Structure formats: C-alpha cells, structure tokens
Protein backbone atom coordinates (compact mmCIF):
# COMPACT_ATOMS: atom_id res chain seq x y z
CA MET A 1 -37.46 -1.90 41.15
CA THR A 2 -36.07 -0.05 44.24
CA GLY A 3 -33.20 2.39 44.73
CA TYR A 4 -30.98 2.32 47.73
CA SER A 5 -28.08 4.64 48.35
CA VAL A 6 -25.27 5.63 50.72
CA HIS A 7 -23.20 8.88 50.48
CA ILE A 8 -19.89 9.20 52.21
CA GLY A 9 -18.13 12.50 52.54
CA LEU A 10 -15.13 13.39 54.66
CA ASN A 11 -13.82 16.89 55.07
CA ARG A 12 -11.65 15.58 57.82
CA VAL A 13 -10.26 12.48 59.45
CA ASP A 14 -9.30 11.61 62.94
CA PRO A 15 -5.78 12.94 63.64
CA ALA A 16 -5.43 10.32 66.36
CA ALA A 17 -5.65 7.68 63.70
CA TYR A 18 -3.35 9.13 61.17
CA GLY A 19 -0.30 10.58 63.22
CA GLY A 20 -1.70 13.98 63.72
CA TRP A 21 -2.96 14.44 60.07
CA ASP A 22 -6.52 15.81 59.90
CA GLY A 23 -6.94 15.50 56.16
CA ALA A 24 -8.77 18.82 55.87
CA LEU A 25 -10.83 19.29 52.73
CA ALA A 26 -13.64 21.68 51.82
CA GLY A 27 -16.09 20.08 49.47
CA CYS A 28 -16.50 16.51 50.29
CA VAL A 29 -19.46 16.76 52.64
CA ASN A 30 -21.08 18.99 50.14
CA ASP A 31 -20.49 16.19 47.57
CA ALA A 32 -22.26 13.66 49.76
CA ASN A 33 -25.17 16.06 50.34
CA SER A 34 -25.45 16.86 46.62
CA MET A 35 -25.52 13.24 45.67
CA ALA A 36 -28.00 12.40 48.35
CA ALA A 37 -30.22 15.06 46.98
CA LEU A 38 -29.90 13.62 43.52
CA ALA A 39 -30.87 10.20 44.88
CA ALA A 40 -33.94 11.70 46.54
CA ALA A 41 -35.01 13.44 43.47
CA GLN A 42 -34.63 10.19 41.59
CA GLY A 43 -36.99 8.47 44.08
CA PHE A 44 -34.65 6.31 45.83
CA ALA A 45 -36.36 4.48 48.76
CA THR A 46 -33.52 4.97 51.23
CA SER A 47 -30.59 7.33 51.33
CA THR A 48 -28.01 7.24 54.16
CA LYS A 49 -25.26 9.82 54.63
CA LEU A 50 -22.08 9.07 56.49
CA LEU A 51 -20.22 12.35 57.13
CA ASP A 52 -16.89 13.13 58.75
CA ASN A 53 -16.59 11.24 62.05
CA ALA A 54 -19.55 9.03 61.21
CA ALA A 55 -17.65 7.67 58.18
CA THR A 56 -15.61 5.12 59.93
CA SER A 57 -14.43 1.94 58.28
CA PHE A 58 -16.87 -0.11 60.37
CA ALA A 59 -19.82 2.11 59.41
CA ILE A 60 -19.03 2.23 55.73
CA ILE A 61 -18.44 -1.61 55.42
CA GLY A 62 -21.56 -2.23 57.65
CA GLU A 63 -23.74 0.10 55.57
CA ILE A 64 -22.78 -1.55 52.25
CA GLY A 65 -23.44 -4.90 53.75
CA GLN A 66 -26.79 -3.80 54.70
CA LEU A 67 -27.51 -2.59 51.25
CA ALA A 68 -26.39 -6.03 49.86
CA HIS A 69 -28.83 -7.67 52.26
CA ASN A 70 -31.74 -5.49 51.29
CA ALA A 71 -31.25 -5.24 47.47
CA ARG A 72 -33.15 -7.71 45.24
CA PRO A 73 -32.61 -8.44 41.56
CA GLY A 74 -33.47 -5.43 39.47
CA ASP A 75 -32.84 -2.87 42.28
CA LEU A 76 -30.27 -0.15 42.00
CA VAL A 77 -27.65 0.51 44.71
CA LEU A 78 -25.78 3.75 44.51
CA ILE A 79 -22.58 4.25 46.57
CA THR A 80 -20.91 7.66 46.52
CA TYR A 81 -17.54 8.44 48.15
CA SER A 82 -15.85 11.84 48.38
CA GLY A 83 -12.71 12.17 50.38
CA HIS A 84 -8.94 11.29 50.33
CA GLY A 85 -7.76 8.36 48.44
CA GLY A 86 -4.60 6.42 49.31
CA GLN A 87 -2.44 3.51 48.23
CA THR A 88 -0.88 0.71 50.32
CA TRP A 89 1.39 -2.05 49.37
CA ASP A 90 -0.15 -4.83 47.29
CA VAL A 91 0.82 -8.03 48.93
CA ASP A 92 -1.07 -10.47 46.54
CA GLY A 93 0.63 -9.29 43.34
CA GLU A 94 -2.66 -8.38 41.58
CA GLU A 95 -1.90 -4.67 40.87
CA ASP A 96 0.27 -3.60 37.96
CA ASP A 97 1.62 -0.71 40.03
CA SER A 98 2.31 -2.78 43.21
CA GLN A 99 -0.20 -0.58 45.11
CA ASP A 100 -3.65 -1.34 46.29
CA GLU A 101 -5.98 1.76 46.07
CA THR A 102 -7.85 2.81 49.26
CA TRP A 103 -10.58 4.97 50.53
CA VAL A 104 -9.31 7.10 53.56
CA ALA A 105 -12.05 6.60 56.14
CA PHE A 106 -12.30 8.51 59.34
CA ASP A 107 -10.27 5.92 61.39
CA ARG A 108 -8.26 3.92 58.81
CA GLN A 109 -7.83 3.20 55.06
CA ILE A 110 -10.32 0.80 53.44
CA VAL A 111 -8.41 -1.32 50.92
CA ASP A 112 -9.93 -1.93 47.48
CA ASP A 113 -9.76 -5.73 48.28
CA GLU A 114 -12.24 -5.12 51.10
CA LEU A 115 -14.59 -3.29 48.80
CA TYR A 116 -14.27 -6.17 46.41
CA GLN A 117 -15.56 -8.42 49.18
CA MET A 118 -18.58 -6.11 49.58
CA TRP A 119 -19.54 -6.41 45.85
CA ARG A 120 -19.49 -10.18 46.28
CA GLN A 121 -22.38 -9.86 48.68
CA PHE A 122 -24.75 -8.42 46.18
CA ALA A 123 -27.25 -10.86 44.49
CA ALA A 124 -27.21 -11.60 40.82
CA GLY A 125 -29.24 -9.04 38.98
CA VAL A 126 -28.62 -6.16 41.39
CA ARG A 127 -27.18 -3.03 39.81
CA VAL A 128 -24.49 -1.32 41.81
CA VAL A 129 -23.20 2.11 40.83
CA VAL A 130 -20.13 3.46 42.69
CA CYS A 131 -19.05 7.19 42.28
CA SER A 132 -15.67 7.62 43.77
CA ASP A 133 -14.34 11.32 43.91
CA SER A 134 -10.93 10.59 45.44
CA CYS A 135 -7.39 10.28 44.28
CA HIS A 136 -6.10 7.00 42.71
CA SER A 137 -9.76 5.88 42.25
CA GLY A 138 -9.73 4.61 38.69
CA SER A 139 -10.13 0.94 39.66
CA VAL A 140 -11.02 1.12 43.29
CA VAL A 141 -13.87 -1.40 42.63
CA ARG A 142 -11.02 -3.91 42.29
CA ASP A 143 -11.49 -5.07 38.63
CA VAL A 144 -7.96 -4.21 37.43
CA PHE A 145 -7.03 -7.91 37.33
CA THR A 146 -9.50 -8.77 34.64
CA ARG A 147 -8.55 -8.44 30.97
CA ASP A 148 -11.88 -7.07 29.93
CA ALA A 149 -11.68 -4.34 32.49
CA ARG A 150 -9.13 -2.57 30.40
CA ALA A 151 -11.55 -2.37 27.51
CA ALA A 152 -14.05 -0.58 29.73
CA ILE A 153 -11.94 2.47 29.86
CA VAL A 154 -13.54 4.80 27.39
CA ASP A 155 -11.10 6.72 25.15
CA VAL A 156 -8.71 7.70 27.98
CA ALA A 157 -5.73 7.91 25.72
CA GLU A 158 -7.66 9.95 23.14
CA ARG A 159 -8.96 12.29 25.83
CA ALA A 160 -5.53 12.81 27.47
CA ALA A 161 -3.90 13.47 24.00
CA ASP A 162 -6.46 16.15 23.06
CA PRO A 163 -6.71 18.68 25.89
CA ALA A 164 -7.50 21.69 23.58
CA GLY A 165 -9.60 24.29 25.22
CA LEU A 166 -9.34 22.80 28.74
CA THR A 167 -7.49 24.14 31.74
CA VAL A 168 -5.64 22.51 34.47
CA VAL A 169 -7.42 23.02 37.84
CA SER A 170 -5.85 24.44 40.83
CA GLY A 171 -6.95 23.23 44.27
CA ARG A 172 -6.19 20.74 47.04
CA ALA A 173 -5.49 17.28 45.87
CA LYS A 174 -7.51 14.62 47.68
CA ALA A 175 -4.50 12.49 48.40
CA MET A 176 -2.79 11.56 51.62
CA PRO A 177 0.63 13.15 51.99
CA ARG A 178 3.27 10.73 51.17
CA GLU A 179 4.87 10.67 54.57
CA VAL A 180 1.42 10.25 56.28
CA GLN A 181 0.60 7.36 53.90
CA ASN A 182 3.96 5.51 54.41
CA GLU A 183 3.69 5.90 58.15
CA ASP A 184 0.09 4.62 58.24
CA ASN A 185 0.99 1.66 55.91
CA LYS A 186 3.86 0.69 58.19
CA ARG A 187 1.70 1.13 61.50
CA ARG A 188 -1.10 -0.94 60.03
CA ARG A 189 0.83 -3.30 57.68
CA GLN A 190 -0.53 -6.42 59.45
CA LEU A 191 -4.14 -5.26 59.18
CA TYR A 192 -3.91 -4.31 55.42
CA SER A 193 -1.96 -7.42 54.56
CA PHE A 194 -4.57 -9.55 56.26
CA VAL A 195 -7.54 -7.97 54.37
CA GLN A 196 -5.65 -8.29 51.08
CA ARG A 197 -4.98 -12.03 51.62
CA LEU A 198 -8.54 -12.65 52.86
CA SER A 199 -9.91 -11.72 49.42
CA GLY A 200 -7.31 -13.85 47.59
CA PRO A 201 -7.46 -15.05 43.98
CA GLN A 202 -9.92 -18.01 44.84
CA ALA A 203 -12.62 -15.44 45.71
CA ARG A 204 -12.43 -13.36 42.59
CA ALA A 205 -14.64 -15.28 40.22
CA ASP A 206 -17.91 -14.98 41.99
CA ILE A 207 -19.26 -11.52 41.73
CA THR A 208 -22.69 -11.92 40.27
CA ALA A 209 -24.02 -8.39 40.51
CA GLY A 210 -23.41 -5.78 37.78
CA VAL A 211 -20.94 -3.17 39.27
CA LEU A 212 -20.27 0.06 37.50
CA LEU A 213 -17.64 2.52 38.70
CA LEU A 214 -17.54 6.21 37.83
CA ALA A 215 -14.20 7.43 39.21
CA GLY A 216 -12.85 10.92 39.46
CA CYS A 217 -9.48 10.11 37.91
CA GLN A 218 -7.17 7.37 36.82
CA ASP A 219 -5.19 5.20 39.27
CA SER A 220 -2.07 7.33 38.66
CA GLN A 221 -3.83 10.69 38.93
CA LEU A 222 -5.07 13.06 41.61
CA SER A 223 -8.65 14.33 42.10
CA TYR A 224 -9.13 17.86 43.17
CA ASP A 225 -11.24 19.43 45.97
CA GLY A 226 -13.18 22.62 45.55
CA PRO A 227 -14.86 25.27 47.65
CA VAL A 228 -18.40 23.85 46.94
CA ASN A 229 -17.92 20.47 45.25
CA GLY A 230 -14.89 18.44 44.15
CA GLN A 231 -13.93 18.85 40.52
CA PHE A 232 -15.28 15.48 39.55
CA THR A 233 -18.65 15.68 41.46
CA GLY A 234 -19.23 19.30 40.30
CA SER A 235 -18.68 18.15 36.69
CA LEU A 236 -21.03 15.18 37.15
CA LEU A 237 -23.70 17.36 38.48
CA GLU A 238 -23.19 19.90 35.65
CA VAL A 239 -23.72 17.18 33.11
CA TRP A 240 -26.62 15.70 35.05
CA GLY A 241 -28.33 19.16 34.83
CA ASN A 242 -30.78 18.54 37.61
CA GLY A 243 -32.02 15.41 35.76
CA SER A 244 -32.10 16.72 32.25
CA PHE A 245 -29.59 14.24 31.20
CA THR A 246 -31.33 11.28 29.47
CA ALA A 247 -28.60 9.18 27.79
CA GLY A 248 -26.72 6.14 29.11
CA TYR A 249 -23.76 5.71 31.40
CA SER A 250 -21.15 5.65 28.62
CA GLN A 251 -22.29 8.92 27.26
CA PHE A 252 -22.75 10.26 30.68
CA HIS A 253 -19.01 9.43 31.37
CA ARG A 254 -17.94 10.88 28.02
CA GLN A 255 -19.66 14.23 28.64
CA ILE A 256 -18.14 14.48 32.22
CA MET A 257 -14.77 13.66 30.68
CA ASN A 258 -15.13 16.33 28.05
CA ILE A 259 -15.44 19.18 30.70
CA MET A 260 -12.80 17.86 33.04
CA PRO A 261 -9.23 19.17 32.89
CA PRO A 262 -6.56 17.05 31.12
CA ASP A 263 -4.70 16.18 34.26
CA GLN A 264 -7.86 14.58 35.86
CA VAL A 265 -9.38 12.04 33.45
CA PRO A 266 -12.51 10.37 34.93
CA ASN A 267 -12.73 6.64 34.67
CA LEU A 268 -15.45 4.10 33.72
CA PHE A 269 -15.00 0.59 34.95
CA THR A 270 -17.41 -2.27 34.98
CA ILE A 271 -17.84 -5.76 36.55
CA ASN A 272 -20.65 -7.80 34.81
CA ALA A 273 -22.31 -4.70 33.63
CA ASP A 274 -23.99 -5.61 30.27
CA ALA A 275 -24.94 -3.40 27.46
CA ASP A 276 -28.47 -2.96 28.87
CA PHE A 277 -27.01 -1.68 32.18
CA LEU A 278 -24.70 0.83 30.37
CA ASP A 279 -27.46 2.06 28.25
CA GLN A 280 -29.80 2.97 31.12
CA ARG A 281 -30.23 6.51 32.16
CA PRO A 282 -27.96 6.99 35.16
CA PHE A 283 -29.25 6.80 38.72
CA THR A 284 -32.65 5.41 37.60
CA PRO A 285 -34.14 2.65 39.86
C-alpha cells in the first residue's frame, strides 16, 4: 500500500483577486511544511506542497485529481489545507445554514461542492484523509447532507459543555472579513452558483472511496492562526508526538479535542469510512 500527499498552505492570497485584501497569516506555510515532514517520516511515496501563490484553485483541483488518478485500492491519500476559510451562498439548498463552506485559494474560493466532486474521482478502497485547518471547516468534505454524518461528530456537545481547565486562544482568525467575503460572493456569484449546481443531488450517491475529515473547528466556529503553527495543526502535531501516537483516528481526534480551547472544537467527519479505517493508526499507508 502506497501513501500520496499534498499539503496546501497560504499565508497570503492575491489582493487583485480579492479586492485589495491580502489575507495575511503567519503559520499556514509552516503548517504545510510540518504536515509534509510528517508524511515523509511515515514513508509516503510522494508529497507535494502548494504554498502561497502556487496554491491556486487550478493547481489545488488539478493536484487532487492527479492523486485520484494515481491511487489504487488500499492506498492512503493525505490532503492537508491551512489557510482562510470562507462561506458562499448555498444555491442548491443542501446546507442547514444556507451557506457553502470554502477554502480560500490564492485566486478564488474553492466551494465544498467542488471538493465533493474530487472525492468522487477516487476508486473504491482508497483511503482519503483530509486535514483542514481553516474557519468553517467542520464539514468541508461536503457530507453535511447525509444523516449518518451527524453521528460521526464525536462528543462535540459534551466537549463544548465541559471546558474546565482550558483557555480561549487569542490570535488571528483564519476567516475572510465579512465585507471581503460578501464582495467576492457578489463578484463571482455566477461561478460559485455554477459549481454548486454542477455537483447536484444526482451526483451525491456515488463516492466509493473512504473519506475522513479532521477539521480545525465546527462550521459555525473560527480556527486560529499562530506564530509557528495554527492552533489546530499545532495541537495535532502535539498529540502525534513525532510518531509516538499509536491508537486510531477516533482516539486521535478525541485527544486533539481535549487540548483545544472551548471556542475551537475540532471535528471528525466521515464518508464511507468503516470501523477498520477509523481504527487504523493515523497517516499509515
């Protein structure tokens, strides 16, 4: 079994693409480099980094498509994203909050519906792990429409109700300013509406790969940047302990959640990820 990975990190975006906003952050490129180093230590066969101006929507979608082409049943594909998250209007009525979550690429937002189309390209038996350190990332793999997805959230209510001993972080939120987001959504409304409709309900029953999302926060929350790593990626790396962690993904998520602040509750979502997948040691090809 072979491991493939791509690591996306944006400390900035193109001001010309976002009305003068440069989206300055501090730790996202470090996050991508840290996760690439983790993949290398785990023996992944290939590891691509898309950083800052290299992380265009075309490059991100193209790289994920190439991984889908290369991966065979039993292989592990790791996709990590660290940068701003956004929201755009949901035109197909599939989101409870009437918003589609996005990754903010260098040149435009990538809507979660587009990512869903990417997951459809992976063959049955391929394991896909997505780590998204961005705001509104709780269901960015686009599984919010299924009933069993809600059962995949592990003790979020319990965790949020018991913040004893934890502190609220201070730092820059990895979210587009509302005025920038609104203006971008207006300017690109036709494009974003098109990609949402393109992945309409008729296409949502045929993901055959197992997809697992470890997200930095819930859809309604913010993820926070840091001087070295983002809050979520830094916590993930702490629990990982340079490879000393040996339990499965559910326990991995729980331990990350236990050291995160109460206003940033990481999420675990799955599509077709069976018990064997969840019980595997994280990031193991």
